[in-house]
Amino acid sequence: MCGFDKGFHSKDNQNALRAQLDLVVLPRKGKLSQVARQEEQAAEFVKVRRALSAVESTINGLEVHRLDVCPGHGIEGFKRYVALAVLTRNIHRIGAIVWSQDMERAQQKSRYADPNKPVKLAA
């Protein structure tokens, strides 16, 4: 299977990809015909579109943290940089999860604690 953004759709692209792939996710722009609407509302089509959105989100997260330009030289530098970018993104995501859990615990404690006593977050 393969997924693309709306700007890549054309009849030629659709036919060429269908000849090589089992599932082609190539959404159309504008108002859809009844057949095209049924095709784009199929469960597999929607699943791949959502996966594509998740990939776009991850790419944006890397760009926001300045990991969109590789300072390394050659293929080995590129591989090293990609590995470090993935590691950095994972650490950032784990940190967000831990922070969220700390905030949830603090809220739970504040419900049952003395309202005059300050709540201390885990270090």
N, C-alpha and C. Protein backbone atom coordinates (compact mmCIF):
# COMPACT_ATOMS: atom_id res chain seq x y z
N MET A 1 0.84 -1.18 0.00
CA MET A 1 0.00 0.00 0.00
C MET A 1 0.88 1.24 0.00
N CYS A 2 0.26 2.33 -0.38
CA CYS A 2 1.00 3.58 -0.47
C CYS A 2 0.00 4.72 -0.33
N GLY A 3 0.38 5.77 0.41
CA GLY A 3 -0.52 6.89 0.62
C GLY A 3 0.12 8.21 0.21
N PHE A 4 -0.72 9.12 -0.29
CA PHE A 4 -0.24 10.43 -0.75
C PHE A 4 -1.19 11.51 -0.30
N ASP A 5 -0.77 12.77 -0.43
CA ASP A 5 -1.63 13.92 -0.18
C ASP A 5 -2.52 14.14 -1.40
N LYS A 6 -3.50 15.04 -1.23
CA LYS A 6 -4.46 15.29 -2.30
C LYS A 6 -3.83 15.83 -3.59
N GLY A 7 -2.75 16.56 -3.49
CA GLY A 7 -2.15 17.18 -4.66
C GLY A 7 -1.53 16.21 -5.65
N PHE A 8 -1.39 14.96 -5.29
CA PHE A 8 -0.73 13.99 -6.18
C PHE A 8 -1.70 13.23 -7.06
N HIS A 9 -3.00 13.41 -6.87
CA HIS A 9 -3.96 12.63 -7.63
C HIS A 9 -4.03 13.06 -9.08
N SER A 10 -3.96 12.09 -9.95
CA SER A 10 -4.27 12.25 -11.36
C SER A 10 -4.63 10.85 -11.86
N LYS A 11 -5.32 10.80 -12.98
CA LYS A 11 -5.73 9.49 -13.51
C LYS A 11 -4.51 8.64 -13.86
N ASP A 12 -3.48 9.26 -14.42
CA ASP A 12 -2.26 8.53 -14.77
C ASP A 12 -1.57 7.98 -13.52
N ASN A 13 -1.45 8.82 -12.48
CA ASN A 13 -0.82 8.35 -11.23
C ASN A 13 -1.62 7.21 -10.61
N GLN A 14 -2.94 7.35 -10.62
CA GLN A 14 -3.81 6.32 -10.05
C GLN A 14 -3.61 4.99 -10.77
N ASN A 15 -3.61 5.01 -12.10
CA ASN A 15 -3.46 3.78 -12.88
C ASN A 15 -2.08 3.16 -12.72
N ALA A 16 -1.04 4.00 -12.73
CA ALA A 16 0.33 3.49 -12.61
C ALA A 16 0.55 2.85 -11.23
N LEU A 17 0.02 3.46 -10.19
CA LEU A 17 0.19 2.90 -8.85
C LEU A 17 -0.65 1.65 -8.63
N ARG A 18 -1.85 1.63 -9.18
CA ARG A 18 -2.71 0.44 -9.03
C ARG A 18 -2.11 -0.77 -9.72
N ALA A 19 -1.32 -0.56 -10.78
CA ALA A 19 -0.68 -1.67 -11.47
C ALA A 19 0.41 -2.30 -10.60
N GLN A 20 0.95 -1.56 -9.64
CA GLN A 20 2.06 -2.05 -8.83
C GLN A 20 1.70 -2.35 -7.39
N LEU A 21 0.61 -1.78 -6.87
CA LEU A 21 0.28 -1.91 -5.45
C LEU A 21 -1.13 -2.48 -5.25
N ASP A 22 -1.33 -3.12 -4.10
CA ASP A 22 -2.64 -3.65 -3.76
C ASP A 22 -3.61 -2.54 -3.35
N LEU A 23 -3.11 -1.61 -2.54
CA LEU A 23 -3.96 -0.53 -2.05
C LEU A 23 -3.28 0.80 -2.34
N VAL A 24 -3.96 1.66 -3.05
CA VAL A 24 -3.45 2.99 -3.38
C VAL A 24 -4.34 4.02 -2.70
N VAL A 25 -3.74 4.83 -1.83
CA VAL A 25 -4.48 5.89 -1.15
C VAL A 25 -4.05 7.20 -1.77
N LEU A 26 -4.84 7.63 -2.74
CA LEU A 26 -4.54 8.82 -3.52
C LEU A 26 -5.82 9.67 -3.55
N PRO A 27 -6.08 10.46 -2.50
CA PRO A 27 -7.33 11.19 -2.41
C PRO A 27 -7.46 12.24 -3.51
N ARG A 28 -8.69 12.48 -3.89
CA ARG A 28 -8.98 13.46 -4.94
C ARG A 28 -9.32 14.81 -4.32
N LYS A 29 -9.10 15.88 -5.08
CA LYS A 29 -9.48 17.22 -4.65
C LYS A 29 -10.91 17.51 -5.12
N GLY A 30 -11.55 18.43 -4.43
CA GLY A 30 -12.86 18.91 -4.86
C GLY A 30 -13.99 17.97 -4.53
N LYS A 31 -15.13 18.20 -5.20
CA LYS A 31 -16.33 17.40 -4.97
C LYS A 31 -16.13 16.01 -5.58
N LEU A 32 -16.49 14.99 -4.80
CA LEU A 32 -16.26 13.62 -5.23
C LEU A 32 -17.51 13.01 -5.85
N SER A 33 -17.28 12.14 -6.82
CA SER A 33 -18.39 11.38 -7.39
C SER A 33 -18.82 10.33 -6.36
N GLN A 34 -19.94 9.68 -6.60
CA GLN A 34 -20.45 8.67 -5.68
C GLN A 34 -19.44 7.52 -5.54
N VAL A 35 -18.86 7.08 -6.64
CA VAL A 35 -17.89 5.98 -6.62
C VAL A 35 -16.63 6.39 -5.86
N ALA A 36 -16.14 7.59 -6.14
CA ALA A 36 -14.93 8.08 -5.46
C ALA A 36 -15.18 8.25 -3.97
N ARG A 37 -16.38 8.73 -3.60
CA ARG A 37 -16.70 8.90 -2.19
C ARG A 37 -16.72 7.55 -1.47
N GLN A 38 -17.32 6.55 -2.08
CA GLN A 38 -17.35 5.21 -1.48
C GLN A 38 -15.93 4.66 -1.32
N GLU A 39 -15.11 4.88 -2.33
CA GLU A 39 -13.72 4.41 -2.28
C GLU A 39 -12.94 5.08 -1.15
N GLU A 40 -13.13 6.40 -0.99
CA GLU A 40 -12.39 7.14 0.03
C GLU A 40 -12.95 6.96 1.43
N GLN A 41 -14.16 6.42 1.55
CA GLN A 41 -14.74 6.15 2.86
C GLN A 41 -14.54 4.71 3.30
N ALA A 42 -13.89 3.90 2.48
CA ALA A 42 -13.62 2.51 2.84
C ALA A 42 -12.68 2.47 4.05
N ALA A 43 -12.83 1.45 4.88
CA ALA A 43 -12.08 1.36 6.14
C ALA A 43 -10.57 1.38 5.91
N GLU A 44 -10.08 0.63 4.95
CA GLU A 44 -8.63 0.57 4.69
C GLU A 44 -8.10 1.92 4.21
N PHE A 45 -8.86 2.59 3.36
CA PHE A 45 -8.46 3.90 2.85
C PHE A 45 -8.33 4.89 4.00
N VAL A 46 -9.33 4.92 4.88
CA VAL A 46 -9.33 5.83 6.03
C VAL A 46 -8.17 5.50 6.96
N LYS A 47 -7.91 4.23 7.18
CA LYS A 47 -6.82 3.80 8.07
C LYS A 47 -5.47 4.31 7.56
N VAL A 48 -5.23 4.17 6.26
CA VAL A 48 -3.96 4.63 5.69
C VAL A 48 -3.88 6.16 5.72
N ARG A 49 -5.00 6.86 5.47
CA ARG A 49 -5.00 8.33 5.54
C ARG A 49 -4.64 8.80 6.94
N ARG A 50 -5.17 8.12 7.96
CA ARG A 50 -4.84 8.50 9.34
C ARG A 50 -3.38 8.22 9.65
N ALA A 51 -2.85 7.12 9.14
CA ALA A 51 -1.44 6.82 9.35
C ALA A 51 -0.57 7.89 8.69
N LEU A 52 -0.99 8.34 7.51
CA LEU A 52 -0.26 9.40 6.81
C LEU A 52 -0.28 10.68 7.63
N SER A 53 -1.41 10.98 8.25
CA SER A 53 -1.50 12.17 9.10
C SER A 53 -0.56 12.06 10.29
N ALA A 54 -0.45 10.85 10.85
CA ALA A 54 0.47 10.64 11.99
C ALA A 54 1.91 10.86 11.56
N VAL A 55 2.26 10.42 10.36
CA VAL A 55 3.62 10.62 9.86
C VAL A 55 3.89 12.10 9.66
N GLU A 56 2.91 12.82 9.09
CA GLU A 56 3.06 14.26 8.89
C GLU A 56 3.25 14.98 10.23
N SER A 57 2.52 14.54 11.23
CA SER A 57 2.64 15.13 12.56
C SER A 57 4.04 14.90 13.14
N THR A 58 4.55 13.70 12.96
CA THR A 58 5.89 13.39 13.46
C THR A 58 6.95 14.21 12.73
N ILE A 59 6.80 14.36 11.43
CA ILE A 59 7.74 15.17 10.66
C ILE A 59 7.71 16.62 11.17
N ASN A 60 6.51 17.14 11.41
CA ASN A 60 6.39 18.50 11.92
C ASN A 60 7.06 18.61 13.29
N GLY A 61 6.90 17.60 14.15
CA GLY A 61 7.54 17.61 15.46
C GLY A 61 9.06 17.66 15.34
N LEU A 62 9.61 16.95 14.37
CA LEU A 62 11.06 16.98 14.16
C LEU A 62 11.50 18.37 13.66
N GLU A 63 10.72 18.95 12.76
CA GLU A 63 11.07 20.27 12.24
C GLU A 63 11.02 21.34 13.33
N VAL A 64 10.03 21.25 14.20
CA VAL A 64 9.90 22.23 15.28
C VAL A 64 11.13 22.21 16.18
N HIS A 65 11.71 21.04 16.37
CA HIS A 65 12.89 20.90 17.23
C HIS A 65 14.19 20.96 16.44
N ARG A 66 14.12 21.57 15.27
CA ARG A 66 15.31 21.84 14.44
C ARG A 66 16.04 20.57 14.00
N LEU A 67 15.29 19.49 13.78
CA LEU A 67 15.90 18.25 13.33
C LEU A 67 15.61 17.99 11.86
N ASP A 68 15.35 19.05 11.11
CA ASP A 68 15.01 18.90 9.70
C ASP A 68 16.19 19.16 8.75
N VAL A 69 17.32 19.53 9.29
CA VAL A 69 18.51 19.77 8.47
C VAL A 69 19.64 18.91 9.01
N CYS A 70 20.21 18.09 8.15
CA CYS A 70 21.26 17.16 8.58
C CYS A 70 22.64 17.80 8.41
N PRO A 71 23.36 18.02 9.54
CA PRO A 71 24.70 18.60 9.43
C PRO A 71 25.77 17.57 9.10
N GLY A 72 25.42 16.27 9.13
CA GLY A 72 26.40 15.22 8.86
C GLY A 72 26.76 15.16 7.39
N HIS A 73 27.89 14.52 7.09
CA HIS A 73 28.35 14.38 5.70
C HIS A 73 28.29 12.92 5.30
N GLY A 74 27.82 12.67 4.10
CA GLY A 74 27.77 11.32 3.57
C GLY A 74 26.64 10.50 4.16
N ILE A 75 26.55 9.27 3.68
CA ILE A 75 25.46 8.39 4.11
C ILE A 75 25.60 8.00 5.57
N GLU A 76 26.82 7.82 6.05
CA GLU A 76 27.01 7.46 7.47
C GLU A 76 26.60 8.59 8.40
N GLY A 77 26.93 9.83 8.04
CA GLY A 77 26.50 10.97 8.83
C GLY A 77 24.98 11.11 8.82
N PHE A 78 24.38 10.84 7.66
CA PHE A 78 22.92 10.91 7.56
C PHE A 78 22.27 9.85 8.45
N LYS A 79 22.77 8.61 8.39
CA LYS A 79 22.21 7.53 9.21
C LYS A 79 22.34 7.85 10.70
N ARG A 80 23.49 8.36 11.09
CA ARG A 80 23.72 8.72 12.49
C ARG A 80 22.74 9.82 12.91
N TYR A 81 22.55 10.82 12.06
CA TYR A 81 21.67 11.93 12.38
C TYR A 81 20.21 11.48 12.49
N VAL A 82 19.80 10.60 11.58
CA VAL A 82 18.42 10.08 11.64
C VAL A 82 18.22 9.30 12.94
N ALA A 83 19.19 8.47 13.31
CA ALA A 83 19.09 7.70 14.55
C ALA A 83 18.98 8.63 15.75
N LEU A 84 19.77 9.68 15.78
CA LEU A 84 19.72 10.64 16.88
C LEU A 84 18.40 11.42 16.89
N ALA A 85 17.89 11.74 15.72
CA ALA A 85 16.61 12.45 15.64
C ALA A 85 15.48 11.58 16.18
N VAL A 86 15.48 10.30 15.82
CA VAL A 86 14.45 9.38 16.32
C VAL A 86 14.57 9.24 17.83
N LEU A 87 15.80 9.07 18.33
CA LEU A 87 16.03 8.96 19.77
C LEU A 87 15.55 10.22 20.50
N THR A 88 15.87 11.38 19.94
CA THR A 88 15.46 12.65 20.54
C THR A 88 13.94 12.77 20.58
N ARG A 89 13.29 12.42 19.50
CA ARG A 89 11.83 12.48 19.45
C ARG A 89 11.21 11.54 20.48
N ASN A 90 11.76 10.34 20.61
CA ASN A 90 11.24 9.38 21.59
C ASN A 90 11.42 9.88 23.02
N ILE A 91 12.58 10.45 23.31
CA ILE A 91 12.82 10.99 24.65
C ILE A 91 11.85 12.15 24.93
N HIS A 92 11.64 12.99 23.95
CA HIS A 92 10.70 14.10 24.10
C HIS A 92 9.30 13.57 24.37
N ARG A 93 8.89 12.55 23.66
CA ARG A 93 7.55 11.96 23.84
C ARG A 93 7.41 11.32 25.22
N ILE A 94 8.45 10.60 25.66
CA ILE A 94 8.43 9.98 26.99
C ILE A 94 8.32 11.07 28.06
N GLY A 95 9.06 12.15 27.88
CA GLY A 95 9.00 13.27 28.83
C GLY A 95 7.59 13.85 28.91
N ALA A 96 6.92 13.98 27.78
CA ALA A 96 5.55 14.50 27.77
C ALA A 96 4.61 13.56 28.50
N ILE A 97 4.81 12.26 28.33
CA ILE A 97 3.96 11.28 29.02
C ILE A 97 4.19 11.34 30.53
N VAL A 98 5.45 11.39 30.95
CA VAL A 98 5.77 11.46 32.38
C VAL A 98 5.21 12.75 32.99
N TRP A 99 5.35 13.86 32.29
CA TRP A 99 4.82 15.13 32.78
C TRP A 99 3.31 15.05 32.94
N SER A 100 2.64 14.45 31.95
CA SER A 100 1.19 14.30 32.02
C SER A 100 0.78 13.44 33.22
N GLN A 101 1.51 12.37 33.47
CA GLN A 101 1.22 11.51 34.62
C GLN A 101 1.43 12.26 35.93
N ASP A 102 2.50 13.06 36.02
CA ASP A 102 2.75 13.86 37.22
C ASP A 102 1.61 14.86 37.47
N MET A 103 1.15 15.50 36.42
CA MET A 103 0.07 16.46 36.56
C MET A 103 -1.21 15.76 37.02
N GLU A 104 -1.46 14.58 36.48
CA GLU A 104 -2.65 13.81 36.87
C GLU A 104 -2.59 13.42 38.35
N ARG A 105 -1.40 12.95 38.78
CA ARG A 105 -1.22 12.59 40.19
C ARG A 105 -1.41 13.81 41.10
N ALA A 106 -0.88 14.95 40.68
CA ALA A 106 -1.01 16.17 41.48
C ALA A 106 -2.48 16.58 41.60
N GLN A 107 -3.23 16.42 40.52
CA GLN A 107 -4.65 16.76 40.58
C GLN A 107 -5.40 15.81 41.50
N GLN A 108 -5.05 14.52 41.45
CA GLN A 108 -5.69 13.55 42.32
C GLN A 108 -5.37 13.84 43.78
N LYS A 109 -4.11 14.18 44.07
CA LYS A 109 -3.72 14.51 45.44
C LYS A 109 -4.44 15.76 45.93
N SER A 110 -4.58 16.73 45.05
CA SER A 110 -5.20 17.99 45.47
C SER A 110 -6.68 17.82 45.80
N ARG A 111 -7.32 16.83 45.25
CA ARG A 111 -8.73 16.59 45.55
C ARG A 111 -8.93 16.14 47.00
N TYR A 112 -7.95 15.38 47.51
CA TYR A 112 -8.09 14.79 48.84
C TYR A 112 -7.18 15.42 49.89
N ALA A 113 -6.34 16.37 49.47
CA ALA A 113 -5.37 16.96 50.39
C ALA A 113 -5.94 18.23 51.03
N ASP A 114 -5.18 18.70 52.02
CA ASP A 114 -5.50 19.96 52.69
C ASP A 114 -5.34 21.09 51.65
N PRO A 115 -6.35 21.92 51.44
CA PRO A 115 -6.26 22.96 50.42
C PRO A 115 -5.19 24.01 50.73
N ASN A 116 -4.74 24.12 51.96
CA ASN A 116 -3.72 25.10 52.32
C ASN A 116 -2.30 24.57 52.18
N LYS A 117 -2.15 23.25 51.96
CA LYS A 117 -0.83 22.64 51.84
C LYS A 117 -0.42 22.61 50.36
N PRO A 118 0.82 23.09 50.02
CA PRO A 118 1.26 23.09 48.61
C PRO A 118 1.50 21.65 48.13
N VAL A 119 1.23 21.41 46.84
CA VAL A 119 1.44 20.10 46.22
C VAL A 119 2.83 20.08 45.60
N LYS A 120 3.60 19.02 45.88
CA LYS A 120 4.96 18.90 45.35
C LYS A 120 4.95 17.86 44.23
N LEU A 121 5.48 18.23 43.06
CA LEU A 121 5.58 17.32 41.93
C LEU A 121 6.82 16.45 42.08
N ALA A 122 6.77 15.24 41.47
CA ALA A 122 7.92 14.34 41.51
C ALA A 122 9.07 14.94 40.71
N ALA A 123 10.29 14.72 41.21
CA ALA A 123 11.46 15.29 40.55
C ALA A 123 11.99 14.35 39.51
